[in-house]
Amino acid sequence: MAFAIRNLSVLAYANGFTLWHYKAGTDDQRSIGSPGYFNDAGDVLTAGDMVLVSAVDSGRVLCVVPDERGVRTAALG
């Protein structure tokens, strides 16, 4: 399964920061963490935003990081 914009929703917004939730359906964390997975949401995701991801194999929090080629995320550690 690929990224589906309908599964991305805003949980909170303040001062230019957005906390998102993404329900990944049948996608696992490895595919969600791959470069460009969130590219179709590049018009709404901004560097510094956080995405709570519910995937088939686990949940985690990703941070949107700056990237001129598209949307890139990194796991919070």
PDB file of N, CA and C in Angstrom:
ATOM      1  N   MET A   1       0.846  -1.180   0.000  1.00  0.00           N
ATOM      2  CA  MET A   1       0.000   0.000   0.000  1.00  0.00           C
ATOM      3  C   MET A   1       0.883   1.231   0.000  1.00  0.00           C
ATOM      4  N   ALA A   2       0.449   2.270  -0.634  1.00  0.00           N
ATOM      5  CA  ALA A   2       1.188   3.526  -0.688  1.00  0.00           C
ATOM      6  C   ALA A   2       0.537   4.556   0.227  1.00  0.00           C
ATOM      7  N   PHE A   3       1.214   5.684   0.382  1.00  0.00           N
ATOM      8  CA  PHE A   3       0.681   6.778   1.187  1.00  0.00           C
ATOM      9  C   PHE A   3      -0.718   7.150   0.713  1.00  0.00           C
ATOM     10  N   ALA A   4      -1.626   7.387   1.646  1.00  0.00           N
ATOM     11  CA  ALA A   4      -2.992   7.821   1.344  1.00  0.00           C
ATOM     12  C   ALA A   4      -3.285   9.091   2.125  1.00  0.00           C
ATOM     13  N   ILE A   5      -3.457  10.198   1.432  1.00  0.00           N
ATOM     14  CA  ILE A   5      -3.667  11.494   2.082  1.00  0.00           C
ATOM     15  C   ILE A   5      -4.891  11.472   2.999  1.00  0.00           C
ATOM     16  N   ARG A   6      -5.891  10.669   2.679  1.00  0.00           N
ATOM     17  CA  ARG A   6      -7.101  10.612   3.514  1.00  0.00           C
ATOM     18  C   ARG A   6      -6.828  10.026   4.903  1.00  0.00           C
ATOM     19  N   ASN A   7      -5.685   9.349   5.065  1.00  0.00           N
ATOM     20  CA  ASN A   7      -5.329   8.758   6.356  1.00  0.00           C
ATOM     21  C   ASN A   7      -4.449   9.676   7.206  1.00  0.00           C
ATOM     22  N   LEU A   8      -4.200  10.882   6.730  1.00  0.00           N
ATOM     23  CA  LEU A   8      -3.390  11.866   7.460  1.00  0.00           C
ATOM     24  C   LEU A   8      -4.331  12.916   8.041  1.00  0.00           C
ATOM     25  N   SER A   9      -4.243  13.132   9.350  1.00  0.00           N
ATOM     26  CA  SER A   9      -5.126  14.108   9.980  1.00  0.00           C
ATOM     27  C   SER A   9      -4.376  14.947  11.002  1.00  0.00           C
ATOM     28  N   VAL A  10      -4.854  16.158  11.201  1.00  0.00           N
ATOM     29  CA  VAL A  10      -4.263  17.095  12.163  1.00  0.00           C
ATOM     30  C   VAL A  10      -4.809  16.796  13.554  1.00  0.00           C
ATOM     31  N   LEU A  11      -3.895  16.666  14.516  1.00  0.00           N
ATOM     32  CA  LEU A  11      -4.287  16.504  15.909  1.00  0.00           C
ATOM     33  C   LEU A  11      -4.219  17.827  16.658  1.00  0.00           C
ATOM     34  N   ALA A  12      -3.195  18.636  16.350  1.00  0.00           N
ATOM     35  CA  ALA A  12      -3.020  19.925  17.024  1.00  0.00           C
ATOM     36  C   ALA A  12      -2.200  20.850  16.141  1.00  0.00           C
ATOM     37  N   TYR A  13      -2.448  22.147  16.285  1.00  0.00           N
ATOM     38  CA  TYR A  13      -1.711  23.149  15.525  1.00  0.00           C
ATOM     39  C   TYR A  13      -1.515  24.373  16.407  1.00  0.00           C
ATOM     40  N   ALA A  14      -0.284  24.897  16.450  1.00  0.00           N
ATOM     41  CA  ALA A  14      -0.001  26.114  17.203  1.00  0.00           C
ATOM     42  C   ALA A  14       1.324  26.711  16.745  1.00  0.00           C
ATOM     43  N   ASN A  15       1.354  28.001  16.551  1.00  0.00           N
ATOM     44  CA  ASN A  15       2.578  28.732  16.246  1.00  0.00           C
ATOM     45  C   ASN A  15       3.371  28.142  15.087  1.00  0.00           C
ATOM     46  N   GLY A  16       2.702  27.698  14.040  1.00  0.00           N
ATOM     47  CA  GLY A  16       3.377  27.164  12.874  1.00  0.00           C
ATOM     48  C   GLY A  16       3.812  25.719  12.989  1.00  0.00           C
ATOM     49  N   PHE A  17       3.470  25.068  14.102  1.00  0.00           N
ATOM     50  CA  PHE A  17       3.793  23.652  14.317  1.00  0.00           C
ATOM     51  C   PHE A  17       2.520  22.836  14.216  1.00  0.00           C
ATOM     52  N   THR A  18       2.593  21.682  13.545  1.00  0.00           N
ATOM     53  CA  THR A  18       1.435  20.802  13.443  1.00  0.00           C
ATOM     54  C   THR A  18       1.813  19.409  13.926  1.00  0.00           C
ATOM     55  N   LEU A  19       0.937  18.837  14.741  1.00  0.00           N
ATOM     56  CA  LEU A  19       1.051  17.460  15.178  1.00  0.00           C
ATOM     57  C   LEU A  19       0.032  16.663  14.373  1.00  0.00           C
ATOM     58  N   TRP A  20       0.517  15.676  13.647  1.00  0.00           N
ATOM     59  CA  TRP A  20      -0.311  14.880  12.743  1.00  0.00           C
ATOM     60  C   TRP A  20      -0.473  13.458  13.254  1.00  0.00           C
ATOM     61  N   HIS A  21      -1.496  12.776  12.768  1.00  0.00           N
ATOM     62  CA  HIS A  21      -1.633  11.337  12.944  1.00  0.00           C
ATOM     63  C   HIS A  21      -1.773  10.728  11.556  1.00  0.00           C
ATOM     64  N   TYR A  22      -1.058   9.607  11.326  1.00  0.00           N
ATOM     65  CA  TYR A  22      -1.181   8.884  10.067  1.00  0.00           C
ATOM     66  C   TYR A  22      -1.487   7.428  10.352  1.00  0.00           C
ATOM     67  N   LYS A  23      -2.625   6.957   9.859  1.00  0.00           N
ATOM     68  CA  LYS A  23      -3.010   5.549   9.982  1.00  0.00           C
ATOM     69  C   LYS A  23      -2.561   4.849   8.717  1.00  0.00           C
ATOM     70  N   ALA A  24      -1.563   3.986   8.848  1.00  0.00           N
ATOM     71  CA  ALA A  24      -0.848   3.445   7.696  1.00  0.00           C
ATOM     72  C   ALA A  24      -1.504   2.245   7.023  1.00  0.00           C
ATOM     73  N   GLY A  25      -2.615   1.781   7.526  1.00  0.00           N
ATOM     74  CA  GLY A  25      -3.256   0.627   6.896  1.00  0.00           C
ATOM     75  C   GLY A  25      -2.368  -0.603   6.974  1.00  0.00           C
ATOM     76  N   THR A  26      -2.019  -1.166   5.823  1.00  0.00           N
ATOM     77  CA  THR A  26      -1.200  -2.380   5.802  1.00  0.00           C
ATOM     78  C   THR A  26       0.296  -2.113   5.670  1.00  0.00           C
ATOM     79  N   ASP A  27       0.695  -0.836   5.594  1.00  0.00           N
ATOM     80  CA  ASP A  27       2.122  -0.501   5.480  1.00  0.00           C
ATOM     81  C   ASP A  27       2.828  -0.710   6.813  1.00  0.00           C
ATOM     82  N   ASP A  28       4.075  -1.160   6.746  1.00  0.00           N
ATOM     83  CA  ASP A  28       4.872  -1.338   7.957  1.00  0.00           C
ATOM     84  C   ASP A  28       5.794  -0.134   8.150  1.00  0.00           C
ATOM     85  N   GLN A  29       6.455  -0.092   9.318  1.00  0.00           N
ATOM     86  CA  GLN A  29       7.310   1.056   9.650  1.00  0.00           C
ATOM     87  C   GLN A  29       8.463   1.221   8.666  1.00  0.00           C
ATOM     88  N   ARG A  30       8.999   0.127   8.149  1.00  0.00           N
ATOM     89  CA  ARG A  30      10.109   0.230   7.199  1.00  0.00           C
ATOM     90  C   ARG A  30       9.693   0.997   5.942  1.00  0.00           C
ATOM     91  N   SER A  31       8.543   0.683   5.391  1.00  0.00           N
ATOM     92  CA  SER A  31       8.103   1.377   4.177  1.00  0.00           C
ATOM     93  C   SER A  31       7.721   2.827   4.473  1.00  0.00           C
ATOM     94  N   ILE A  32       7.121   3.067   5.628  1.00  0.00           N
ATOM     95  CA  ILE A  32       6.731   4.436   5.990  1.00  0.00           C
ATOM     96  C   ILE A  32       7.953   5.320   6.191  1.00  0.00           C
ATOM     97  N   GLY A  33       9.030   4.765   6.708  1.00  0.00           N
ATOM     98  CA  GLY A  33      10.252   5.525   6.943  1.00  0.00           C
ATOM     99  C   GLY A  33      11.100   5.729   5.703  1.00  0.00           C
ATOM    100  N   SER A  34      10.704   5.137   4.590  1.00  0.00           N
ATOM    101  CA  SER A  34      11.507   5.271   3.375  1.00  0.00           C
ATOM    102  C   SER A  34      11.414   6.684   2.812  1.00  0.00           C
ATOM    103  N   PRO A  35      12.512   7.154   2.200  1.00  0.00           N
ATOM    104  CA  PRO A  35      12.522   8.511   1.640  1.00  0.00           C
ATOM    105  C   PRO A  35      11.401   8.697   0.620  1.00  0.00           C
ATOM    106  N   GLY A  36      10.706   9.798   0.730  1.00  0.00           N
ATOM    107  CA  GLY A  36       9.664  10.134  -0.226  1.00  0.00           C
ATOM    108  C   GLY A  36       8.295   9.551   0.070  1.00  0.00           C
ATOM    109  N   TYR A  37       8.149   8.754   1.120  1.00  0.00           N
ATOM    110  CA  TYR A  37       6.854   8.141   1.419  1.00  0.00           C
ATOM    111  C   TYR A  37       5.763   9.209   1.554  1.00  0.00           C
ATOM    112  N   PHE A  38       6.072  10.320   2.209  1.00  0.00           N
ATOM    113  CA  PHE A  38       5.085  11.374   2.456  1.00  0.00           C
ATOM    114  C   PHE A  38       5.111  12.485   1.403  1.00  0.00           C
ATOM    115  N   ASN A  39       5.771  12.286   0.275  1.00  0.00           N
ATOM    116  CA  ASN A  39       5.891  13.345  -0.736  1.00  0.00           C
ATOM    117  C   ASN A  39       4.547  13.903  -1.204  1.00  0.00           C
ATOM    118  N   ASP A  40       3.531  13.072  -1.293  1.00  0.00           N
ATOM    119  CA  ASP A  40       2.218  13.551  -1.740  1.00  0.00           C
ATOM    120  C   ASP A  40       1.585  14.531  -0.752  1.00  0.00           C
ATOM    121  N   ALA A  41       2.121  14.619   0.452  1.00  0.00           N
ATOM    122  CA  ALA A  41       1.626  15.575   1.448  1.00  0.00           C
ATOM    123  C   ALA A  41       2.584  16.747   1.604  1.00  0.00           C
ATOM    124  N   GLY A  42       3.475  16.921   0.644  1.00  0.00           N
ATOM    125  CA  GLY A  42       4.479  17.978   0.724  1.00  0.00           C
ATOM    126  C   GLY A  42       3.918  19.378   0.804  1.00  0.00           C
ATOM    127  N   ASP A  43       2.676  19.572   0.366  1.00  0.00           N
ATOM    128  CA  ASP A  43       2.074  20.901   0.439  1.00  0.00           C
ATOM    129  C   ASP A  43       1.514  21.223   1.825  1.00  0.00           C
ATOM    130  N   VAL A  44       1.401  20.227   2.716  1.00  0.00           N
ATOM    131  CA  VAL A  44       0.886  20.479   4.064  1.00  0.00           C
ATOM    132  C   VAL A  44       1.888  20.173   5.177  1.00  0.00           C
ATOM    133  N   LEU A  45       2.817  19.253   4.943  1.00  0.00           N
ATOM    134  CA  LEU A  45       3.825  18.932   5.952  1.00  0.00           C
ATOM    135  C   LEU A  45       4.969  19.929   5.892  1.00  0.00           C
ATOM    136  N   THR A  46       5.397  20.394   7.043  1.00  0.00           N
ATOM    137  CA  THR A  46       6.449  21.399   7.146  1.00  0.00           C
ATOM    138  C   THR A  46       7.560  20.892   8.059  1.00  0.00           C
ATOM    139  N   ALA A  47       8.787  21.257   7.749  1.00  0.00           N
ATOM    140  CA  ALA A  47       9.917  20.887   8.604  1.00  0.00           C
ATOM    141  C   ALA A  47       9.613  21.279  10.050  1.00  0.00           C
ATOM    142  N   GLY A  48       9.833  20.344  10.951  1.00  0.00           N
ATOM    143  CA  GLY A  48       9.557  20.558  12.365  1.00  0.00           C
ATOM    144  C   GLY A  48       8.242  19.959  12.819  1.00  0.00           C
ATOM    145  N   ASP A  49       7.335  19.669  11.882  1.00  0.00           N
ATOM    146  CA  ASP A  49       6.093  18.989  12.238  1.00  0.00           C
ATOM    147  C   ASP A  49       6.409  17.589  12.757  1.00  0.00           C
ATOM    148  N   MET A  50       5.491  17.021  13.523  1.00  0.00           N
ATOM    149  CA  MET A  50       5.634  15.652  14.002  1.00  0.00           C
ATOM    150  C   MET A  50       4.439  14.834  13.547  1.00  0.00           C
ATOM    151  N   VAL A  51       4.710  13.565  13.234  1.00  0.00           N
ATOM    152  CA  VAL A  51       3.664  12.668  12.750  1.00  0.00           C
ATOM    153  C   VAL A  51       3.635  11.431  13.648  1.00  0.00           C
ATOM    154  N   LEU A  52       2.507  11.203  14.307  1.00  0.00           N
ATOM    155  CA  LEU A  52       2.295   9.972  15.057  1.00  0.00           C
ATOM    156  C   LEU A  52       1.825   8.934  14.041  1.00  0.00           C
ATOM    157  N   VAL A  53       2.562   7.855  13.908  1.00  0.00           N
ATOM    158  CA  VAL A  53       2.268   6.850  12.897  1.00  0.00           C
ATOM    159  C   VAL A  53       1.749   5.579  13.556  1.00  0.00           C
ATOM    160  N   SER A  54       0.570   5.138  13.108  1.00  0.00           N
ATOM    161  CA  SER A  54       0.013   3.852  13.523  1.00  0.00           C
ATOM    162  C   SER A  54       0.154   2.916  12.333  1.00  0.00           C
ATOM    163  N   ALA A  55       1.066   1.970  12.428  1.00  0.00           N
ATOM    164  CA  ALA A  55       1.330   1.035  11.336  1.00  0.00           C
ATOM    165  C   ALA A  55       0.921  -0.370  11.745  1.00  0.00           C
ATOM    166  N   VAL A  56       0.959  -1.270  10.782  1.00  0.00           N
ATOM    167  CA  VAL A  56       0.556  -2.646  11.023  1.00  0.00           C
ATOM    168  C   VAL A  56       1.474  -3.342  12.034  1.00  0.00           C
ATOM    169  N   ASP A  57       2.741  -2.942  12.102  1.00  0.00           N
ATOM    170  CA  ASP A  57       3.687  -3.618  12.987  1.00  0.00           C
ATOM    171  C   ASP A  57       4.019  -2.865  14.267  1.00  0.00           C
ATOM    172  N   SER A  58       3.726  -1.575  14.360  1.00  0.00           N
ATOM    173  CA  SER A  58       4.006  -0.799  15.572  1.00  0.00           C
ATOM    174  C   SER A  58       3.570   0.646  15.373  1.00  0.00           C
ATOM    175  N   GLY A  59       3.823   1.446  16.389  1.00  0.00           N
ATOM    176  CA  GLY A  59       3.582   2.879  16.307  1.00  0.00           C
ATOM    177  C   GLY A  59       4.868   3.613  16.617  1.00  0.00           C
ATOM    178  N   ARG A  60       4.995   4.821  16.093  1.00  0.00           N
ATOM    179  CA  ARG A  60       6.167   5.643  16.413  1.00  0.00           C
ATOM    180  C   ARG A  60       5.898   7.093  16.044  1.00  0.00           C
ATOM    181  N   VAL A  61       6.801   7.956  16.478  1.00  0.00           N
ATOM    182  CA  VAL A  61       6.701   9.375  16.183  1.00  0.00           C
ATOM    183  C   VAL A  61       7.811   9.738  15.205  1.00  0.00           C
ATOM    184  N   LEU A  62       7.438  10.399  14.111  1.00  0.00           N
ATOM    185  CA  LEU A  62       8.410  10.868  13.128  1.00  0.00           C
ATOM    186  C   LEU A  62       8.433  12.384  13.135  1.00  0.00           C
ATOM    187  N   CYS A  63       9.573  12.943  12.868  1.00  0.00           N
ATOM    188  CA  CYS A  63       9.737  14.383  12.730  1.00  0.00           C
ATOM    189  C   CYS A  63       9.999  14.688  11.255  1.00  0.00           C
ATOM    190  N   VAL A  64       9.323  15.698  10.721  1.00  0.00           N
ATOM    191  CA  VAL A  64       9.561  16.119   9.339  1.00  0.00           C
ATOM    192  C   VAL A  64      10.818  16.978   9.336  1.00  0.00           C
ATOM    193  N   VAL A  65      11.790  16.597   8.512  1.00  0.00           N
ATOM    194  CA  VAL A  65      13.063  17.309   8.448  1.00  0.00           C
ATOM    195  C   VAL A  65      13.211  18.000   7.092  1.00  0.00           C
ATOM    196  N   PRO A  66      13.976  19.103   7.043  1.00  0.00           N
ATOM    197  CA  PRO A  66      14.139  19.830   5.781  1.00  0.00           C
ATOM    198  C   PRO A  66      14.776  18.957   4.703  1.00  0.00           C
ATOM    199  N   ASP A  67      14.238  19.046   3.505  1.00  0.00           N
ATOM    200  CA  ASP A  67      14.789  18.340   2.356  1.00  0.00           C
ATOM    201  C   ASP A  67      14.256  19.011   1.103  1.00  0.00           C
ATOM    202  N   GLU A  68      15.130  19.465   0.246  1.00  0.00           N
ATOM    203  CA  GLU A  68      14.723  20.199  -0.954  1.00  0.00           C
ATOM    204  C   GLU A  68      14.107  19.291  -2.014  1.00  0.00           C
ATOM    205  N   ARG A  69      14.301  17.982  -1.906  1.00  0.00           N
ATOM    206  CA  ARG A  69      13.811  17.055  -2.932  1.00  0.00           C
ATOM    207  C   ARG A  69      12.437  16.485  -2.619  1.00  0.00           C
ATOM    208  N   GLY A  70      11.877  16.765  -1.474  1.00  0.00           N
ATOM    209  CA  GLY A  70      10.575  16.219  -1.089  1.00  0.00           C
ATOM    210  C   GLY A  70      10.460  16.166   0.423  1.00  0.00           C
ATOM    211  N   VAL A  71       9.541  15.375   0.903  1.00  0.00           N
ATOM    212  CA  VAL A  71       9.319  15.244   2.338  1.00  0.00           C
ATOM    213  C   VAL A  71      10.195  14.110   2.864  1.00  0.00           C
ATOM    214  N   ARG A  72      10.958  14.426   3.898  1.00  0.00           N
ATOM    215  CA  ARG A  72      11.797  13.419   4.548  1.00  0.00           C
ATOM    216  C   ARG A  72      11.463  13.421   6.019  1.00  0.00           C
ATOM    217  N   THR A  73      11.436  12.238   6.624  1.00  0.00           N
ATOM    218  CA  THR A  73      11.144  12.124   8.042  1.00  0.00           C
ATOM    219  C   THR A  73      12.283  11.407   8.749  1.00  0.00           C
ATOM    220  N   ALA A  74      12.368  11.634  10.039  1.00  0.00           N
ATOM    221  CA  ALA A  74      13.348  10.957  10.881  1.00  0.00           C
ATOM    222  C   ALA A  74      12.660  10.551  12.175  1.00  0.00           C
ATOM    223  N   ALA A  75      13.000   9.383  12.666  1.00  0.00           N
ATOM    224  CA  ALA A  75      12.437   8.907  13.927  1.00  0.00           C
ATOM    225  C   ALA A  75      12.995   9.716  15.089  1.00  0.00           C
ATOM    226  N   LEU A  76      12.155   9.997  16.059  1.00  0.00           N
ATOM    227  CA  LEU A  76      12.646  10.649  17.269  1.00  0.00           C
ATOM    228  C   LEU A  76      13.362   9.607  18.098  1.00  0.00           C
ATOM    229  N   GLY A  77      14.483   9.948  18.612  1.00  0.00           N
ATOM    230  CA  GLY A  77      15.229   8.943  19.344  1.00  0.00           C
ATOM    231  C   GLY A  77      15.676   9.449  20.597  1.00  0.00           C
TER     232      GLY A  77
END
